[in-house]
Amino acid sequence: MSGTNRADIKKGLSVSIVLKQDQRSGTLTEGIVKDILTNSANHHHGIKVRLQDGAVGRVKAIHD
């Protein structure tokens, strides 16, 4: 599942995000969603979230 729809993302979900500094390389960071920062219903680059460890980035994958 991609992270482009805000309705698919909930606090506590395990996700992979790409950090701002990793956008060129595409390196993914895994973590648990703490806050959802994007207000719009969807975003073509991924919904921006803050993980529990404080990392901020756009969701690229949602894990079960």
Protein backbone atom coordinates (compact mmCIF):
# COMPACT_ATOMS: atom_id res chain seq x y z
CA MET A 1 0.00 0.00 0.00
CA SER A 2 1.38 3.39 -0.93
CA GLY A 3 1.30 6.35 1.42
CA THR A 4 -0.43 8.86 -0.85
CA ASN A 5 -3.90 8.73 0.81
CA ARG A 6 -4.26 10.31 4.25
CA ALA A 7 -7.19 8.00 5.12
CA ASP A 8 -4.84 4.97 4.91
CA ILE A 9 -2.47 6.34 7.55
CA LYS A 10 -3.22 6.21 11.26
CA LYS A 11 -1.20 6.91 14.40
CA GLY A 12 0.61 3.78 15.54
CA LEU A 13 1.05 2.30 12.05
CA SER A 14 4.42 0.89 10.99
CA VAL A 15 5.60 2.74 7.86
CA SER A 16 8.64 3.43 5.70
CA ILE A 17 9.34 7.10 4.98
CA VAL A 18 11.88 8.99 2.93
CA LEU A 19 13.58 11.83 4.83
CA LYS A 20 14.17 15.19 3.12
CA GLN A 21 17.95 14.59 2.97
CA ASP A 22 17.38 11.09 1.50
CA GLN A 23 15.06 12.11 -1.34
CA ARG A 24 17.81 11.86 -3.98
CA SER A 25 19.06 8.44 -2.85
CA GLY A 26 15.60 7.09 -1.96
CA THR A 27 16.85 5.61 1.32
CA LEU A 28 13.89 4.55 3.46
CA THR A 29 13.55 4.92 7.23
CA GLU A 30 11.17 2.65 9.14
CA GLY A 31 9.20 3.64 12.20
CA ILE A 32 5.86 4.10 13.92
CA VAL A 33 3.63 7.09 13.04
CA LYS A 34 3.32 9.61 15.89
CA ASP A 35 1.74 12.57 14.03
CA ILE A 36 0.24 13.14 10.57
CA LEU A 37 1.50 16.48 9.26
CA THR A 38 -0.20 16.70 5.83
CA ASN A 39 -3.70 18.20 6.02
CA SER A 40 -4.87 17.40 2.47
CA ALA A 41 -6.70 14.13 1.69
CA ASN A 42 -3.90 12.95 -0.59
CA HIS A 43 -0.47 14.00 -1.81
CA HIS A 44 1.28 12.58 -4.86
CA HIS A 45 4.71 12.42 -3.13
CA GLY A 46 3.31 10.80 0.02
CA ILE A 47 1.69 12.00 3.23
CA LYS A 48 4.16 13.77 5.54
CA VAL A 49 4.38 12.24 9.02
CA ARG A 50 6.46 12.46 12.20
CA LEU A 51 7.68 9.13 13.57
CA GLN A 52 7.96 8.30 17.28
CA ASP A 53 11.73 8.91 17.12
CA GLY A 54 11.12 12.44 15.78
CA ALA A 55 12.06 11.79 12.12
CA VAL A 56 9.88 13.66 9.60
CA GLY A 57 9.33 12.48 6.06
CA ARG A 58 6.87 11.32 3.41
CA VAL A 59 5.30 7.87 3.60
CA LYS A 60 6.45 5.55 0.81
CA ALA A 61 5.12 2.23 2.21
CA ILE A 62 2.71 1.04 4.90
CA HIS A 63 3.53 -2.23 6.69
CA ASP A 64 1.03 -4.70 8.11
